[in-house]
Amino acid sequence: MSMLTPSGMGGKYRVTGDTYPRMRRPRKRGRIVAALVASVVVLGLFGWGALQLFHVFNGDDGDTKANAAPQSRPCTLTATPTPALKPMALPQPAGVTMNVYNATVRGGLAKSTADELARRGFKVKTFGNAPAPYDKKVTQSALIVAGPAAEAAAREAGTQVAGSTVKIDTTRKDKTVDLMIGTAFSSLASPADAAKARIVAANPPPAKPACTPTPTAPSRH
């Protein structure tokens, strides 16, 4: 084998063999690629773990059934189902004969209210303190009591007091209407508000269902 002296080395070094020695370390490309791949894998695992933690804390376990819309269980009966009210034509105030009773502890309400209703065209038969079954027992603004034959008249009377309710007493045969002023009463409705209430009273909304479906919470695993 020949003795070679690389150029530029000034003959100070003698090397055996038929190739020149490397003057610098070879690049460790394999290690660099491996390190990059490892970094990508670590970052991917970290991201996947963070995503799983996010689902856990948000109540999502990845199950499509758990993420589906809640199912409805059988209906739960309400305490007092709202009876259905039929639409009906209401009479004009002149066609309503009413009694105005004060079921509160405030004095003078029956007379002042009766006078105003008379000015609005209603026929007031009498006014005074409420009968014993209703005296100081009406908590809403007013309770309208009438028999089946005076239901339309009772609805018309109810339009004059916001928040009032109508009670049909099946034992009554007359066509008069009793307006019981309750503790929540402040004043009669304005003519404009009474006109709006008249539309609703003549065409009441559908009755509420007797039971309300209760949604089932998503299952947990």
N, C-alpha and C. Protein backbone atom coordinates (compact mmCIF):
# COMPACT_ATOMS: atom_id res chain seq x y z
N MET A 1 0.85 -1.18 0.00
CA MET A 1 0.00 0.00 0.00
C MET A 1 0.88 1.23 0.00
N SER A 2 0.45 2.29 -0.64
CA SER A 2 1.29 3.48 -0.77
C SER A 2 1.16 4.35 0.44
N MET A 3 2.21 5.14 0.62
CA MET A 3 2.22 6.12 1.70
C MET A 3 1.74 7.43 1.11
N LEU A 4 0.63 8.00 1.67
CA LEU A 4 0.04 9.22 1.13
C LEU A 4 0.15 10.34 2.15
N THR A 5 0.49 11.48 1.63
CA THR A 5 0.55 12.68 2.48
C THR A 5 -0.49 13.65 1.96
N PRO A 6 -1.57 13.87 2.67
CA PRO A 6 -2.62 14.76 2.19
C PRO A 6 -2.10 16.15 1.94
N SER A 7 -2.69 16.81 0.94
CA SER A 7 -2.27 18.14 0.57
C SER A 7 -2.55 19.11 1.69
N GLY A 8 -1.55 20.02 1.90
CA GLY A 8 -1.72 21.03 2.92
C GLY A 8 -1.29 20.62 4.28
N MET A 9 -0.85 19.40 4.45
CA MET A 9 -0.44 18.95 5.77
C MET A 9 1.06 19.11 5.99
N GLY A 10 1.74 19.59 4.98
CA GLY A 10 3.16 19.92 5.13
C GLY A 10 4.03 18.75 5.41
N GLY A 11 3.58 17.57 5.13
CA GLY A 11 4.41 16.39 5.32
C GLY A 11 4.66 16.05 6.76
N LYS A 12 3.93 16.68 7.68
CA LYS A 12 4.19 16.39 9.08
C LYS A 12 3.51 15.11 9.52
N TYR A 13 2.52 14.72 8.78
CA TYR A 13 1.79 13.51 9.16
C TYR A 13 1.86 12.51 8.03
N ARG A 14 2.04 11.29 8.41
CA ARG A 14 2.10 10.23 7.42
C ARG A 14 0.96 9.27 7.71
N VAL A 15 0.31 8.93 6.64
CA VAL A 15 -0.86 8.08 6.79
C VAL A 15 -0.75 6.89 5.89
N THR A 16 -1.15 5.77 6.35
CA THR A 16 -1.14 4.58 5.52
C THR A 16 -2.54 4.34 4.98
N GLY A 17 -2.62 3.65 3.87
CA GLY A 17 -3.92 3.34 3.28
C GLY A 17 -4.11 4.06 1.97
N ASP A 18 -5.20 3.80 1.33
CA ASP A 18 -5.43 4.38 0.02
C ASP A 18 -6.54 5.42 0.00
N THR A 19 -7.00 5.92 1.22
CA THR A 19 -8.01 6.98 1.30
C THR A 19 -7.55 8.05 2.25
N TYR A 20 -8.05 9.25 1.99
CA TYR A 20 -7.73 10.36 2.90
C TYR A 20 -8.59 10.27 4.14
N PRO A 21 -8.00 10.66 5.27
CA PRO A 21 -8.83 10.66 6.51
C PRO A 21 -9.83 11.80 6.47
N ARG A 22 -10.95 11.64 7.19
CA ARG A 22 -11.96 12.71 7.31
C ARG A 22 -11.40 13.77 8.24
N MET A 23 -11.59 15.06 7.82
CA MET A 23 -11.04 16.15 8.61
C MET A 23 -12.07 16.65 9.64
N ARG A 24 -13.39 16.18 9.58
CA ARG A 24 -14.38 16.57 10.57
C ARG A 24 -15.34 15.39 10.81
N ARG A 25 -16.02 15.50 11.91
CA ARG A 25 -16.93 14.41 12.26
C ARG A 25 -18.08 14.31 11.27
N PRO A 26 -18.52 13.11 10.96
CA PRO A 26 -19.70 12.97 10.08
C PRO A 26 -20.96 13.43 10.81
N ARG A 27 -21.87 14.03 10.01
CA ARG A 27 -23.13 14.47 10.62
C ARG A 27 -23.97 13.27 11.05
N LYS A 28 -24.50 13.41 12.22
CA LYS A 28 -25.30 12.31 12.75
C LYS A 28 -26.76 12.49 12.32
N ARG A 29 -26.97 12.34 11.03
CA ARG A 29 -28.31 12.56 10.50
C ARG A 29 -29.33 11.56 11.05
N GLY A 30 -28.91 10.36 11.25
CA GLY A 30 -29.82 9.34 11.77
C GLY A 30 -30.34 9.70 13.14
N ARG A 31 -29.40 10.22 13.99
CA ARG A 31 -29.84 10.58 15.34
C ARG A 31 -30.78 11.78 15.32
N ILE A 32 -30.50 12.73 14.43
CA ILE A 32 -31.36 13.92 14.34
C ILE A 32 -32.78 13.53 13.91
N VAL A 33 -32.89 12.68 12.89
CA VAL A 33 -34.20 12.23 12.41
C VAL A 33 -34.94 11.49 13.51
N ALA A 34 -34.22 10.63 14.22
CA ALA A 34 -34.85 9.87 15.29
C ALA A 34 -35.37 10.79 16.39
N ALA A 35 -34.57 11.83 16.70
CA ALA A 35 -34.99 12.78 17.74
C ALA A 35 -36.24 13.53 17.32
N LEU A 36 -36.30 13.93 16.03
CA LEU A 36 -37.48 14.64 15.54
C LEU A 36 -38.72 13.76 15.59
N VAL A 37 -38.56 12.52 15.17
CA VAL A 37 -39.70 11.59 15.21
C VAL A 37 -40.19 11.40 16.64
N ALA A 38 -39.24 11.24 17.57
CA ALA A 38 -39.62 11.06 18.97
C ALA A 38 -40.36 12.28 19.50
N SER A 39 -39.87 13.47 19.10
CA SER A 39 -40.54 14.70 19.56
C SER A 39 -41.97 14.77 19.05
N VAL A 40 -42.16 14.42 17.77
CA VAL A 40 -43.50 14.44 17.21
C VAL A 40 -44.42 13.46 17.93
N VAL A 41 -43.90 12.28 18.23
CA VAL A 41 -44.70 11.27 18.93
C VAL A 41 -45.09 11.76 20.32
N VAL A 42 -44.11 12.36 21.04
CA VAL A 42 -44.38 12.85 22.39
C VAL A 42 -45.44 13.94 22.37
N LEU A 43 -45.30 14.88 21.41
CA LEU A 43 -46.28 15.96 21.31
C LEU A 43 -47.67 15.42 20.97
N GLY A 44 -47.71 14.41 20.08
CA GLY A 44 -48.98 13.81 19.74
C GLY A 44 -49.65 13.14 20.93
N LEU A 45 -48.84 12.41 21.72
CA LEU A 45 -49.40 11.77 22.91
C LEU A 45 -49.88 12.81 23.92
N PHE A 46 -49.13 13.89 24.05
CA PHE A 46 -49.52 14.95 24.98
C PHE A 46 -50.85 15.58 24.56
N GLY A 47 -50.98 15.85 23.25
CA GLY A 47 -52.22 16.43 22.76
C GLY A 47 -53.40 15.48 22.93
N TRP A 48 -53.19 14.20 22.67
CA TRP A 48 -54.27 13.22 22.84
C TRP A 48 -54.70 13.14 24.30
N GLY A 49 -53.72 13.15 25.21
CA GLY A 49 -54.03 13.11 26.63
C GLY A 49 -54.81 14.34 27.08
N ALA A 50 -54.40 15.51 26.58
CA ALA A 50 -55.11 16.74 26.94
C ALA A 50 -56.56 16.71 26.43
N LEU A 51 -56.75 16.16 25.21
CA LEU A 51 -58.09 16.06 24.66
C LEU A 51 -58.97 15.13 25.50
N GLN A 52 -58.41 14.03 25.97
CA GLN A 52 -59.17 13.11 26.80
C GLN A 52 -59.56 13.75 28.12
N LEU A 53 -58.62 14.51 28.71
CA LEU A 53 -58.94 15.21 29.96
C LEU A 53 -60.06 16.22 29.73
N PHE A 54 -60.04 16.90 28.60
CA PHE A 54 -61.09 17.88 28.28
C PHE A 54 -62.45 17.20 28.22
N HIS A 55 -62.51 16.03 27.57
CA HIS A 55 -63.78 15.32 27.47
C HIS A 55 -64.26 14.85 28.85
N VAL A 56 -63.31 14.41 29.70
CA VAL A 56 -63.68 13.91 31.02
C VAL A 56 -64.29 15.03 31.85
N PHE A 57 -63.62 16.19 31.88
CA PHE A 57 -64.11 17.30 32.69
C PHE A 57 -65.39 17.90 32.13
N ASN A 58 -65.69 17.67 30.86
CA ASN A 58 -66.92 18.18 30.27
C ASN A 58 -68.00 17.11 30.20
N GLY A 59 -67.79 16.01 30.86
CA GLY A 59 -68.81 14.97 30.91
C GLY A 59 -68.97 14.19 29.64
N ASP A 60 -67.97 14.15 28.79
CA ASP A 60 -68.05 13.45 27.51
C ASP A 60 -67.06 12.31 27.54
N ASP A 61 -67.59 11.10 27.55
CA ASP A 61 -66.70 9.93 27.59
C ASP A 61 -66.46 9.33 26.23
N GLY A 62 -66.87 10.04 25.17
CA GLY A 62 -66.62 9.55 23.83
C GLY A 62 -67.66 8.59 23.33
N ASP A 63 -68.62 8.22 24.17
CA ASP A 63 -69.66 7.29 23.75
C ASP A 63 -70.74 8.05 23.00
N THR A 64 -71.06 7.63 21.81
CA THR A 64 -72.05 8.35 21.01
C THR A 64 -73.42 8.27 21.66
N LYS A 65 -73.72 7.23 22.40
CA LYS A 65 -75.00 7.13 23.07
C LYS A 65 -75.11 8.17 24.17
N ALA A 66 -74.04 8.40 24.88
CA ALA A 66 -74.06 9.38 25.95
C ALA A 66 -74.21 10.78 25.39
N ASN A 67 -73.70 10.99 24.19
CA ASN A 67 -73.76 12.32 23.59
C ASN A 67 -75.06 12.55 22.83
N ALA A 68 -75.89 11.54 22.71
CA ALA A 68 -77.14 11.69 21.98
C ALA A 68 -78.10 12.55 22.78
N ALA A 69 -79.15 13.05 22.12
CA ALA A 69 -80.14 13.89 22.79
C ALA A 69 -80.80 13.11 23.91
N PRO A 70 -81.07 13.78 25.06
CA PRO A 70 -81.71 13.08 26.18
C PRO A 70 -83.05 12.51 25.77
N GLN A 71 -83.31 11.29 26.22
CA GLN A 71 -84.58 10.66 25.93
C GLN A 71 -85.61 11.07 26.96
N SER A 72 -86.86 10.95 26.62
CA SER A 72 -87.94 11.36 27.51
C SER A 72 -88.49 10.15 28.24
N ARG A 73 -88.65 10.32 29.54
CA ARG A 73 -89.28 9.29 30.34
C ARG A 73 -90.79 9.49 30.34
N PRO A 74 -91.54 8.55 30.91
CA PRO A 74 -93.00 8.71 30.94
C PRO A 74 -93.38 10.02 31.61
N CYS A 75 -94.56 10.54 31.26
CA CYS A 75 -95.03 11.83 31.77
C CYS A 75 -95.18 11.81 33.28
N THR A 76 -94.92 12.96 33.89
CA THR A 76 -95.18 13.17 35.30
C THR A 76 -96.43 14.01 35.43
N LEU A 77 -97.43 13.49 36.13
CA LEU A 77 -98.70 14.19 36.24
C LEU A 77 -98.52 15.50 36.99
N THR A 78 -99.16 16.55 36.49
CA THR A 78 -99.13 17.83 37.18
C THR A 78 -100.14 17.82 38.32
N ALA A 79 -99.95 18.73 39.26
CA ALA A 79 -100.82 18.76 40.44
C ALA A 79 -102.26 19.09 40.05
N THR A 80 -102.43 20.12 39.21
CA THR A 80 -103.77 20.54 38.80
C THR A 80 -103.78 20.79 37.30
N PRO A 81 -104.19 19.81 36.50
CA PRO A 81 -104.25 20.03 35.05
C PRO A 81 -105.19 21.18 34.71
N THR A 82 -104.79 22.00 33.74
CA THR A 82 -105.60 23.14 33.33
C THR A 82 -106.74 22.65 32.43
N PRO A 83 -107.99 22.94 32.81
CA PRO A 83 -109.11 22.48 31.97
C PRO A 83 -109.13 23.23 30.65
N ALA A 84 -109.64 22.56 29.64
CA ALA A 84 -109.74 23.19 28.32
C ALA A 84 -110.92 24.16 28.31
N LEU A 85 -110.67 25.35 27.77
CA LEU A 85 -111.72 26.36 27.64
C LEU A 85 -112.08 26.50 26.16
N LYS A 86 -113.37 26.46 25.88
CA LYS A 86 -113.83 26.56 24.51
C LYS A 86 -113.93 28.03 24.10
N PRO A 87 -113.59 28.34 22.86
CA PRO A 87 -113.83 29.71 22.37
C PRO A 87 -115.32 30.00 22.38
N MET A 88 -115.65 31.23 22.72
CA MET A 88 -117.06 31.63 22.72
C MET A 88 -117.17 33.13 22.54
N ALA A 89 -118.29 33.53 22.00
CA ALA A 89 -118.56 34.96 21.84
C ALA A 89 -118.90 35.57 23.19
N LEU A 90 -118.30 36.71 23.50
CA LEU A 90 -118.55 37.36 24.78
C LEU A 90 -119.59 38.47 24.61
N PRO A 91 -120.41 38.67 25.62
CA PRO A 91 -121.41 39.73 25.54
C PRO A 91 -120.77 41.10 25.74
N GLN A 92 -121.44 42.12 25.33
CA GLN A 92 -121.01 43.48 25.61
C GLN A 92 -121.27 43.79 27.09
N PRO A 93 -120.57 44.79 27.66
CA PRO A 93 -120.76 45.10 29.08
C PRO A 93 -122.23 45.29 29.47
N ALA A 94 -123.05 45.86 28.59
CA ALA A 94 -124.46 46.06 28.91
C ALA A 94 -125.21 44.76 29.11
N GLY A 95 -124.67 43.66 28.61
CA GLY A 95 -125.31 42.36 28.75
C GLY A 95 -124.82 41.58 29.95
N VAL A 96 -124.01 42.21 30.82
CA VAL A 96 -123.45 41.52 31.99
C VAL A 96 -124.02 42.17 33.25
N THR A 97 -124.69 41.37 34.07
CA THR A 97 -125.18 41.82 35.37
C THR A 97 -124.29 41.23 36.44
N MET A 98 -123.71 42.08 37.26
CA MET A 98 -122.74 41.59 38.23
C MET A 98 -122.97 42.15 39.62
N ASN A 99 -122.43 41.41 40.58
CA ASN A 99 -122.35 41.84 41.98
C ASN A 99 -120.87 42.06 42.29
N VAL A 100 -120.54 43.15 42.93
CA VAL A 100 -119.15 43.47 43.25
C VAL A 100 -118.98 43.33 44.76
N TYR A 101 -118.04 42.43 45.16
CA TYR A 101 -117.81 42.17 46.57
C TYR A 101 -116.34 42.42 46.92
N ASN A 102 -116.16 42.96 48.11
CA ASN A 102 -114.82 43.25 48.62
C ASN A 102 -114.40 42.12 49.56
N ALA A 103 -113.38 41.33 49.14
CA ALA A 103 -112.88 40.24 49.98
C ALA A 103 -111.59 40.61 50.71
N THR A 104 -111.28 41.91 50.76
CA THR A 104 -110.06 42.36 51.44
C THR A 104 -110.42 43.11 52.72
N VAL A 105 -109.37 43.55 53.43
CA VAL A 105 -109.58 44.34 54.65
C VAL A 105 -109.63 45.84 54.34
N ARG A 106 -109.42 46.21 53.10
CA ARG A 106 -109.46 47.63 52.72
C ARG A 106 -110.90 48.07 52.50
N GLY A 107 -111.23 49.17 53.08
CA GLY A 107 -112.60 49.65 52.97
C GLY A 107 -112.84 50.46 51.71
N GLY A 108 -114.06 50.43 51.22
CA GLY A 108 -114.46 51.25 50.10
C GLY A 108 -114.17 50.70 48.73
N LEU A 109 -113.51 49.55 48.62
CA LEU A 109 -113.15 49.01 47.31
C LEU A 109 -114.37 48.57 46.51
N ALA A 110 -115.35 47.99 47.18
CA ALA A 110 -116.51 47.48 46.46
C ALA A 110 -117.26 48.62 45.79
N LYS A 111 -117.51 49.72 46.52
CA LYS A 111 -118.28 50.82 45.95
C LYS A 111 -117.53 51.53 44.82
N SER A 112 -116.24 51.85 45.04
CA SER A 112 -115.48 52.56 44.01
C SER A 112 -115.34 51.72 42.75
N THR A 113 -115.13 50.41 42.93
CA THR A 113 -115.00 49.53 41.76
C THR A 113 -116.35 49.38 41.05
N ALA A 114 -117.42 49.26 41.81
CA ALA A 114 -118.76 49.13 41.21
C ALA A 114 -119.11 50.39 40.43
N ASP A 115 -118.76 51.54 40.97
CA ASP A 115 -119.06 52.79 40.26
C ASP A 115 -118.32 52.86 38.92
N GLU A 116 -117.05 52.46 38.92
CA GLU A 116 -116.26 52.51 37.68
C GLU A 116 -116.80 51.50 36.67
N LEU A 117 -117.16 50.31 37.11
CA LEU A 117 -117.71 49.31 36.19
C LEU A 117 -119.04 49.79 35.60
N ALA A 118 -119.83 50.48 36.40
CA ALA A 118 -121.09 51.03 35.89
C ALA A 118 -120.82 52.08 34.82
N ARG A 119 -119.78 52.89 35.03
CA ARG A 119 -119.43 53.89 34.01
C ARG A 119 -118.98 53.22 32.71
N ARG A 120 -118.43 52.01 32.81
CA ARG A 120 -117.98 51.29 31.62
C ARG A 120 -119.12 50.53 30.95
N GLY A 121 -120.31 50.61 31.48
CA GLY A 121 -121.47 50.00 30.81
C GLY A 121 -121.99 48.74 31.44
N PHE A 122 -121.35 48.22 32.50
CA PHE A 122 -121.83 47.00 33.15
C PHE A 122 -123.04 47.32 34.04
N LYS A 123 -123.90 46.33 34.20
CA LYS A 123 -125.05 46.46 35.09
C LYS A 123 -124.66 45.93 36.47
N VAL A 124 -124.49 46.82 37.43
CA VAL A 124 -124.13 46.42 38.79
C VAL A 124 -125.40 46.26 39.61
N LYS A 125 -125.64 45.06 40.03
CA LYS A 125 -126.85 44.76 40.81
C LYS A 125 -126.68 45.15 42.27
N THR A 126 -125.53 44.77 42.86
CA THR A 126 -125.27 45.11 44.25
C THR A 126 -123.77 45.13 44.49
N PHE A 127 -123.37 45.70 45.62
CA PHE A 127 -121.96 45.68 46.03
C PHE A 127 -121.92 45.63 47.56
N GLY A 128 -120.77 45.20 48.10
CA GLY A 128 -120.62 45.10 49.56
C GLY A 128 -119.48 44.16 49.90
N ASN A 129 -119.49 43.68 51.14
CA ASN A 129 -118.45 42.75 51.58
C ASN A 129 -118.70 41.35 51.01
N ALA A 130 -117.62 40.62 50.81
CA ALA A 130 -117.72 39.28 50.21
C ALA A 130 -118.40 38.31 51.16
N PRO A 131 -119.10 37.32 50.62
CA PRO A 131 -119.68 36.27 51.47
C PRO A 131 -118.60 35.54 52.25
N ALA A 132 -119.00 34.92 53.34
CA ALA A 132 -118.06 34.25 54.24
C ALA A 132 -117.12 33.27 53.55
N PRO A 133 -117.58 32.44 52.58
CA PRO A 133 -116.65 31.50 51.94
C PRO A 133 -115.49 32.17 51.20
N TYR A 134 -115.65 33.47 50.87
CA TYR A 134 -114.61 34.16 50.10
C TYR A 134 -113.98 35.32 50.87
N ASP A 135 -114.57 35.76 51.93
CA ASP A 135 -114.09 36.94 52.65
C ASP A 135 -112.68 36.73 53.17
N LYS A 136 -111.76 37.60 52.74
CA LYS A 136 -110.34 37.56 53.12
C LYS A 136 -109.66 36.26 52.70
N LYS A 137 -110.20 35.60 51.69
CA LYS A 137 -109.61 34.35 51.22
C LYS A 137 -109.24 34.40 49.74
N VAL A 138 -109.42 35.54 49.10
CA VAL A 138 -109.08 35.70 47.68
C VAL A 138 -107.73 36.39 47.62
N THR A 139 -106.70 35.65 47.22
CA THR A 139 -105.35 36.21 47.22
C THR A 139 -104.97 36.87 45.90
N GLN A 140 -105.62 36.49 44.80
CA GLN A 140 -105.31 37.12 43.51
C GLN A 140 -106.01 38.47 43.40
N SER A 141 -105.89 39.12 42.26
CA SER A 141 -106.49 40.45 42.10
C SER A 141 -108.01 40.39 42.15
N ALA A 142 -108.59 39.34 41.57
CA ALA A 142 -110.06 39.19 41.62
C ALA A 142 -110.42 37.76 41.25
N LEU A 143 -111.52 37.30 41.80
CA LEU A 143 -112.09 35.99 41.47
C LEU A 143 -113.50 36.23 40.94
N ILE A 144 -113.74 35.73 39.73
CA ILE A 144 -115.05 35.88 39.10
C ILE A 144 -115.80 34.56 39.25
N VAL A 145 -116.97 34.60 39.93
CA VAL A 145 -117.75 33.39 40.18
C VAL A 145 -119.08 33.51 39.45
N ALA A 146 -119.42 32.44 38.72
CA ALA A 146 -120.69 32.43 37.98
C ALA A 146 -121.10 30.99 37.71
N GLY A 147 -122.35 30.82 37.32
CA GLY A 147 -122.85 29.50 36.95
C GLY A 147 -122.55 29.20 35.50
N PRO A 148 -122.81 27.97 35.06
CA PRO A 148 -122.55 27.60 33.66
C PRO A 148 -123.26 28.49 32.66
N ALA A 149 -124.44 28.97 32.98
CA ALA A 149 -125.20 29.80 32.05
C ALA A 149 -124.60 31.19 31.89
N ALA A 150 -123.70 31.57 32.79
CA ALA A 150 -123.11 32.91 32.75
C ALA A 150 -121.61 32.86 32.52
N GLU A 151 -121.13 31.78 31.92
CA GLU A 151 -119.67 31.68 31.72
C GLU A 151 -119.16 32.78 30.79
N ALA A 152 -119.86 33.04 29.71
CA ALA A 152 -119.41 34.09 28.80
C ALA A 152 -119.41 35.45 29.49
N ALA A 153 -120.42 35.71 30.30
CA ALA A 153 -120.48 36.97 31.05
C ALA A 153 -119.35 37.05 32.07
N ALA A 154 -119.00 35.92 32.68
CA ALA A 154 -117.91 35.90 33.65
C ALA A 154 -116.58 36.21 32.97
N ARG A 155 -116.39 35.68 31.78
CA ARG A 155 -115.16 35.98 31.05
C ARG A 155 -115.09 37.47 30.69
N GLU A 156 -116.21 38.02 30.31
CA GLU A 156 -116.24 39.46 29.98
C GLU A 156 -115.91 40.29 31.22
N ALA A 157 -116.45 39.91 32.36
CA ALA A 157 -116.14 40.63 33.60
C ALA A 157 -114.67 40.49 33.97
N GLY A 158 -114.11 39.34 33.71
CA GLY A 158 -112.70 39.11 34.04
C GLY A 158 -111.73 39.96 33.23
N THR A 159 -112.16 40.43 32.07
CA THR A 159 -111.28 41.26 31.26
C THR A 159 -110.99 42.61 31.92
N GLN A 160 -111.81 42.99 32.90
CA GLN A 160 -111.67 44.30 33.53
C GLN A 160 -110.64 44.31 34.66
N VAL A 161 -110.19 43.14 35.08
CA VAL A 161 -109.23 43.04 36.18
C VAL A 161 -108.08 42.15 35.75
N ALA A 162 -106.91 42.72 35.56
CA ALA A 162 -105.74 41.92 35.16
C ALA A 162 -105.38 40.94 36.28
N GLY A 163 -105.10 39.71 35.89
CA GLY A 163 -104.71 38.69 36.87
C GLY A 163 -105.88 38.00 37.55
N SER A 164 -107.09 38.29 37.12
CA SER A 164 -108.26 37.64 37.73
C SER A 164 -108.45 36.24 37.15
N THR A 165 -109.19 35.42 37.86
CA THR A 165 -109.51 34.08 37.40
C THR A 165 -111.03 33.88 37.46
N VAL A 166 -111.51 32.97 36.62
CA VAL A 166 -112.94 32.69 36.54
C VAL A 166 -113.21 31.32 37.15
N LYS A 167 -114.20 31.26 38.03
CA LYS A 167 -114.63 30.01 38.65
C LYS A 167 -116.08 29.75 38.28
N ILE A 168 -116.34 28.58 37.70
CA ILE A 168 -117.70 28.21 37.32
C ILE A 168 -118.28 27.29 38.40
N ASP A 169 -119.33 27.77 39.04
CA ASP A 169 -120.02 27.02 40.09
C ASP A 169 -121.20 26.30 39.45
N THR A 170 -121.09 24.99 39.34
CA THR A 170 -122.11 24.21 38.63
C THR A 170 -123.45 24.19 39.36
N THR A 171 -123.46 24.61 40.62
CA THR A 171 -124.73 24.60 41.37
C THR A 171 -125.55 25.87 41.12
N ARG A 172 -124.95 26.87 40.50
CA ARG A 172 -125.67 28.12 40.25
C ARG A 172 -126.48 28.03 38.96
N LYS A 173 -127.68 28.56 39.00
CA LYS A 173 -128.56 28.52 37.84
C LYS A 173 -128.80 29.90 37.24
N ASP A 174 -128.49 30.96 37.98
CA ASP A 174 -128.77 32.31 37.50
C ASP A 174 -127.68 32.75 36.53
N LYS A 175 -127.88 33.92 35.94
CA LYS A 175 -126.95 34.45 34.96
C LYS A 175 -126.18 35.67 35.47
N THR A 176 -126.21 35.89 36.77
CA THR A 176 -125.43 36.99 37.33
C THR A 176 -124.00 36.55 37.59
N VAL A 177 -123.12 37.54 37.73
CA VAL A 177 -121.69 37.29 37.93
C VAL A 177 -121.26 37.97 39.22
N ASP A 178 -120.51 37.25 40.05
CA ASP A 178 -119.95 37.83 41.27
C ASP A 178 -118.47 38.15 41.06
N LEU A 179 -118.10 39.39 41.27
CA LEU A 179 -116.70 39.79 41.16
C LEU A 179 -116.17 40.00 42.58
N MET A 180 -115.29 39.08 43.01
CA MET A 180 -114.68 39.15 44.35
C MET A 180 -113.33 39.85 44.24
N ILE A 181 -113.24 41.03 44.85
CA ILE A 181 -111.97 41.77 44.82
C ILE A 181 -111.01 41.13 45.81
N GLY A 182 -109.80 40.74 45.32
CA GLY A 182 -108.81 40.08 46.16
C GLY A 182 -107.72 41.00 46.67
N THR A 183 -106.85 40.45 47.49
CA THR A 183 -105.81 41.24 48.15
C THR A 183 -104.78 41.79 47.17
N ALA A 184 -104.61 41.17 45.99
CA ALA A 184 -103.64 41.65 45.00
C ALA A 184 -104.23 42.74 44.10
N PHE A 185 -105.45 43.12 44.34
CA PHE A 185 -106.11 44.13 43.49
C PHE A 185 -105.49 45.51 43.73
N SER A 186 -105.24 46.23 42.62
CA SER A 186 -104.77 47.61 42.73
C SER A 186 -105.72 48.56 42.03
N SER A 187 -106.16 48.18 40.83
CA SER A 187 -107.10 49.00 40.08
C SER A 187 -107.64 48.18 38.92
N LEU A 188 -108.69 48.69 38.31
CA LEU A 188 -109.22 48.03 37.11
C LEU A 188 -108.25 48.21 35.95
N ALA A 189 -108.32 47.30 34.99
CA ALA A 189 -107.47 47.41 33.80
C ALA A 189 -107.91 48.62 32.98
N SER A 190 -106.96 49.18 32.27
CA SER A 190 -107.30 50.30 31.38
C SER A 190 -108.20 49.78 30.26
N PRO A 191 -109.01 50.65 29.67
CA PRO A 191 -109.87 50.19 28.57
C PRO A 191 -109.09 49.51 27.45
N ALA A 192 -107.88 50.01 27.14
CA ALA A 192 -107.07 49.38 26.08
C ALA A 192 -106.64 47.98 26.48
N ASP A 193 -106.20 47.82 27.73
CA ASP A 193 -105.78 46.49 28.19
C ASP A 193 -106.98 45.55 28.29
N ALA A 194 -108.12 46.08 28.69
CA ALA A 194 -109.32 45.25 28.77
C ALA A 194 -109.74 44.76 27.39
N ALA A 195 -109.56 45.60 26.37
CA ALA A 195 -109.90 45.19 25.00
C ALA A 195 -108.98 44.06 24.54
N LYS A 196 -107.69 44.13 24.88
CA LYS A 196 -106.76 43.05 24.52
C LYS A 196 -107.12 41.77 25.27
N ALA A 197 -107.45 41.90 26.55
CA ALA A 197 -107.82 40.73 27.34
C ALA A 197 -109.10 40.09 26.83
N ARG A 198 -109.97 40.88 26.25
CA ARG A 198 -111.23 40.35 25.72
C ARG A 198 -110.98 39.39 24.55
N ILE A 199 -109.98 39.69 23.72
CA ILE A 199 -109.64 38.82 22.60
C ILE A 199 -109.17 37.46 23.11
N VAL A 200 -108.33 37.49 24.15
CA VAL A 200 -107.81 36.24 24.71
C VAL A 200 -108.92 35.46 25.41
N ALA A 201 -109.80 36.17 26.13
CA ALA A 201 -110.88 35.51 26.85
C ALA A 201 -111.86 34.83 25.89
N ALA A 202 -112.07 35.44 24.73
CA ALA A 202 -112.99 34.85 23.75
C ALA A 202 -112.36 33.67 23.02
N ASN A 203 -111.04 33.70 22.89
CA ASN A 203 -110.31 32.62 22.20
C ASN A 203 -109.14 32.16 23.08
N PRO A 204 -109.43 31.43 24.14
CA PRO A 204 -108.38 31.03 25.09
C PRO A 204 -107.38 30.08 24.43
N PRO A 205 -106.13 30.10 24.89
CA PRO A 205 -105.11 29.20 24.33
C PRO A 205 -105.42 27.75 24.70
N PRO A 206 -104.83 26.79 23.98
CA PRO A 206 -105.06 25.37 24.30
C PRO A 206 -104.67 25.06 25.74
N ALA A 207 -105.34 24.09 26.30
CA ALA A 207 -105.04 23.68 27.67
C ALA A 207 -103.67 23.05 27.76
N LYS A 208 -103.03 23.21 28.90
CA LYS A 208 -101.73 22.58 29.13
C LYS A 208 -101.91 21.07 29.26
N PRO A 209 -100.92 20.27 28.82
CA PRO A 209 -101.04 18.81 28.95
C PRO A 209 -101.13 18.39 30.40
N ALA A 210 -101.83 17.28 30.61
CA ALA A 210 -101.98 16.78 31.97
C ALA A 210 -100.68 16.25 32.54
N CYS A 211 -99.72 15.95 31.67
CA CYS A 211 -98.43 15.49 32.15
C CYS A 211 -97.33 16.11 31.32
N THR A 212 -96.17 16.23 31.92
CA THR A 212 -95.03 16.85 31.27
C THR A 212 -93.91 15.84 31.16
N PRO A 213 -93.41 15.51 29.93
CA PRO A 213 -92.31 14.56 29.80
C PRO A 213 -91.08 15.06 30.54
N THR A 214 -90.45 14.15 31.28
CA THR A 214 -89.25 14.48 32.04
C THR A 214 -88.04 13.94 31.28
N PRO A 215 -87.10 14.80 30.85
CA PRO A 215 -85.93 14.31 30.11
C PRO A 215 -85.04 13.44 30.94
N THR A 216 -84.48 12.42 30.33
CA THR A 216 -83.55 11.52 31.00
C THR A 216 -82.14 12.01 30.84
N ALA A 217 -81.41 12.07 31.94
CA ALA A 217 -80.03 12.54 31.88
C ALA A 217 -79.17 11.54 31.12
N PRO A 218 -78.13 12.00 30.38
CA PRO A 218 -77.24 11.10 29.66
C PRO A 218 -76.60 10.09 30.59
N SER A 219 -76.44 8.86 30.12
CA SER A 219 -75.83 7.81 30.94
C SER A 219 -74.35 8.07 31.14
N ARG A 220 -73.86 7.63 32.27
CA ARG A 220 -72.44 7.76 32.60
C ARG A 220 -71.82 6.37 32.72
N HIS A 221 -70.61 6.24 32.22
CA HIS A 221 -69.93 4.93 32.28
C HIS A 221 -68.73 5.05 33.20
